[in-house]
Amino acid sequence: MLPAAGGAITLRQFDAGQRFIFQGQEMLQVYIIRSGVVKPLITEENGKEYILEFLGEGEMLGEVEAIRGTRTVCAVDAVTAVSLYAMGIGQFHYFLQTVPGFSTLVMRLLATRVANSSVKMARQQLYTMGELLPRLQEMLAAQQIAFTKQDLAGYMGISVRSLNRLLKGEG
């Protein structure tokens, strides 16, 4: 017998720049992005931040931790004002087990994220940062969202100083 879903799906709002998931915390909810853009990031022991990706409407947060039963791997900051649907972990598991369409959606989201991460890693291995920067700038311009130099550097896994050299054509 499955436990009842329990709890309502609520709407949560966060301002641009606000961190709403912290690295290493216990996840109590899974979020689905209704609107806005977020950046999951990992802070290394040396204090440097690495942005995994930028996520927007329809993406899910906390599902990996809910499935694995672990603490968060990364923090998540709102890049723009963000509106999220929030459901409890129990409710998430209930939907996974009883709603085939929901399970399929979660699998597709996870598969897309793995594919995107693989492409990002391959590009970073195959191309120089100078070759990657114009592509990244085009992609971000298409999103019509202004990203800081810190965000660009964090996404590329380099320092702001190195990014500035690339932007000046020195690197």
Protein backbone atom coordinates (compact mmCIF):
# COMPACT_ATOMS: atom_id res chain seq x y z
CA MET A 1 0.00 0.00 0.00
CA LEU A 2 1.38 3.42 -0.98
CA PRO A 3 1.28 6.28 1.47
CA ALA A 4 -1.10 9.13 0.64
CA ALA A 5 0.47 12.01 -1.24
CA GLY A 6 -0.18 14.43 1.61
CA GLY A 7 0.29 18.17 1.47
CA ALA A 8 -0.58 20.64 -1.18
CA ILE A 9 1.56 21.80 -4.03
CA THR A 10 2.44 25.36 -3.13
CA LEU A 11 3.78 28.30 -5.09
CA ARG A 12 7.06 29.82 -3.85
CA GLN A 13 8.70 33.03 -5.04
CA PHE A 14 12.35 34.09 -4.82
CA ASP A 15 14.07 37.32 -5.84
CA ALA A 16 16.96 37.55 -8.28
CA GLY A 17 20.20 36.79 -6.48
CA GLN A 18 18.51 34.89 -3.67
CA ARG A 19 19.90 31.48 -2.70
CA PHE A 20 17.04 29.13 -1.87
CA ILE A 21 18.78 25.76 -1.85
CA PHE A 22 22.04 25.37 0.04
CA GLN A 23 24.79 22.86 -0.69
CA GLY A 24 24.71 19.98 1.78
CA GLN A 25 21.20 20.67 3.12
CA GLU A 26 18.51 18.06 3.58
CA MET A 27 15.89 18.47 0.87
CA LEU A 28 12.32 18.54 2.12
CA GLN A 29 10.74 19.59 -1.17
CA VAL A 30 11.09 19.11 -4.91
CA TYR A 31 10.58 22.21 -7.04
CA ILE A 32 9.32 22.70 -10.58
CA ILE A 33 10.25 26.04 -12.13
CA ARG A 34 7.11 27.91 -13.20
CA SER A 35 9.01 30.99 -14.42
CA GLY A 36 12.45 32.52 -14.19
CA VAL A 37 16.02 31.24 -14.41
CA VAL A 38 18.15 29.60 -11.72
CA LYS A 39 21.76 28.48 -11.51
CA PRO A 40 22.76 25.32 -9.65
CA LEU A 41 26.34 25.71 -8.45
CA ILE A 42 28.93 23.84 -6.45
CA THR A 43 31.26 25.64 -4.06
CA GLU A 44 34.61 23.88 -3.79
CA GLU A 45 36.69 23.69 -0.60
CA ASN A 46 38.82 26.59 -1.87
CA GLY A 47 35.71 28.79 -2.07
CA LYS A 48 35.50 28.80 -5.88
CA GLU A 49 32.05 28.34 -7.39
CA TYR A 50 31.33 26.27 -10.47
CA ILE A 51 27.96 26.78 -12.20
CA LEU A 52 26.63 23.47 -13.50
CA GLU A 53 24.02 24.95 -15.83
CA PHE A 54 21.22 27.48 -16.09
CA LEU A 55 17.70 26.10 -15.70
CA GLY A 56 14.36 27.64 -16.62
CA GLU A 57 10.65 26.99 -16.98
CA GLY A 58 9.58 23.37 -16.57
CA GLU A 59 12.86 22.19 -15.06
CA MET A 60 12.92 20.35 -11.74
CA LEU A 61 15.11 20.90 -8.67
CA GLY A 62 15.75 18.46 -5.85
CA GLU A 63 14.52 15.38 -7.71
CA VAL A 64 17.94 13.72 -7.71
CA GLU A 65 18.27 14.12 -3.95
CA ALA A 66 14.68 12.94 -3.43
CA ILE A 67 15.29 9.81 -5.52
CA ARG A 68 18.66 9.05 -3.94
CA GLY A 69 17.67 10.08 -0.41
CA THR A 70 20.74 12.29 -0.03
CA ARG A 71 21.60 15.83 0.94
CA THR A 72 21.95 18.43 -1.79
CA VAL A 73 24.98 18.23 -4.04
CA CYS A 74 24.80 21.88 -5.01
CA ALA A 75 23.31 25.21 -4.05
CA VAL A 76 20.75 26.97 -6.26
CA ASP A 77 20.50 30.73 -6.77
CA ALA A 78 17.79 32.66 -8.58
CA VAL A 79 19.30 34.50 -11.57
CA THR A 80 16.02 36.31 -12.23
CA ALA A 81 12.88 36.54 -10.11
CA VAL A 82 11.70 32.93 -9.87
CA SER A 83 8.32 31.32 -9.28
CA LEU A 84 8.39 27.63 -8.30
CA TYR A 85 5.87 24.91 -7.57
CA ALA A 86 6.92 23.04 -4.41
CA MET A 87 5.87 19.56 -3.32
CA GLY A 88 7.01 17.48 -0.38
CA ILE A 89 9.37 14.56 -0.89
CA GLY A 90 6.63 12.07 0.08
CA GLN A 91 4.28 13.57 -2.46
CA PHE A 92 7.02 13.43 -5.12
CA HIS A 93 7.58 9.70 -4.44
CA TYR A 94 3.82 9.08 -4.46
CA PHE A 95 3.52 10.71 -7.90
CA LEU A 96 6.53 8.73 -9.19
CA GLN A 97 4.90 5.47 -8.13
CA THR A 98 1.30 6.18 -9.13
CA VAL A 99 1.35 8.56 -12.10
CA PRO A 100 3.12 7.00 -15.10
CA GLY A 101 3.18 10.30 -17.00
CA PHE A 102 4.92 12.00 -14.09
CA SER A 103 7.55 9.25 -13.92
CA THR A 104 8.15 9.55 -17.66
CA LEU A 105 8.52 13.32 -17.37
CA VAL A 106 11.07 12.99 -14.55
CA MET A 107 13.07 10.41 -16.55
CA ARG A 108 13.07 12.68 -19.62
CA LEU A 109 14.22 15.67 -17.57
CA LEU A 110 17.03 13.63 -16.03
CA ALA A 111 18.07 12.20 -19.41
CA THR A 112 18.13 15.69 -20.95
CA ARG A 113 20.24 16.99 -18.07
CA VAL A 114 22.75 14.13 -18.45
CA ALA A 115 22.95 14.74 -22.21
CA ASN A 116 23.43 18.50 -21.75
CA SER A 117 26.15 17.94 -19.12
CA SER A 118 27.92 15.48 -21.43
CA VAL A 119 27.89 17.95 -24.32
CA LYS A 120 29.18 20.74 -22.05
CA MET A 121 32.03 18.58 -20.76
CA ALA A 122 32.97 17.39 -24.25
CA ARG A 123 33.08 20.95 -25.59
CA GLN A 124 35.24 22.08 -22.69
CA GLN A 125 37.67 19.27 -23.51
CA LEU A 126 37.66 19.79 -27.29
CA TYR A 127 37.74 23.57 -27.63
CA THR A 128 39.78 26.37 -26.14
CA MET A 129 38.06 28.84 -23.86
CA GLY A 130 38.52 31.46 -26.58
CA GLU A 131 36.52 29.29 -28.98
CA LEU A 132 33.82 28.52 -26.41
CA LEU A 133 33.21 32.07 -25.21
CA PRO A 134 31.53 33.40 -28.41
CA ARG A 135 29.23 30.35 -28.50
CA LEU A 136 28.31 30.86 -24.86
CA GLN A 137 27.67 34.56 -25.40
CA GLU A 138 25.38 33.80 -28.36
CA MET A 139 23.45 31.23 -26.33
CA LEU A 140 23.00 33.64 -23.42
CA ALA A 141 21.99 36.50 -25.71
CA ALA A 142 19.30 34.27 -27.21
CA GLN A 143 17.92 33.80 -23.67
CA GLN A 144 17.69 37.61 -23.33
CA ILE A 145 19.04 37.51 -19.80
CA ALA A 146 22.00 39.55 -18.60
CA PHE A 147 24.57 37.38 -16.86
CA THR A 148 27.42 38.74 -14.77
CA LYS A 149 31.06 38.12 -15.56
CA GLN A 150 31.16 36.05 -12.39
CA ASP A 151 28.35 33.86 -13.78
CA LEU A 152 30.13 33.43 -17.13
CA ALA A 153 33.41 32.58 -15.43
CA GLY A 154 31.70 30.18 -13.02
CA TYR A 155 29.93 28.42 -15.88
CA MET A 156 33.17 28.08 -17.83
CA GLY A 157 35.11 26.97 -14.75
CA ILE A 158 37.64 29.82 -14.96
CA SER A 159 38.45 32.92 -12.93
CA VAL A 160 36.98 36.34 -13.72
CA ARG A 161 40.53 37.48 -14.44
CA SER A 162 40.91 34.77 -17.10
CA LEU A 163 37.50 35.69 -18.53
CA ASN A 164 38.54 39.35 -18.78
CA ARG A 165 41.66 38.31 -20.72
CA LEU A 166 39.51 36.25 -23.10
CA LEU A 167 37.12 39.16 -23.60
CA LYS A 168 40.07 41.45 -24.43
CA GLY A 169 41.38 38.86 -26.91
CA GLU A 170 44.53 38.13 -24.90
CA GLY A 171 43.76 34.48 -24.10
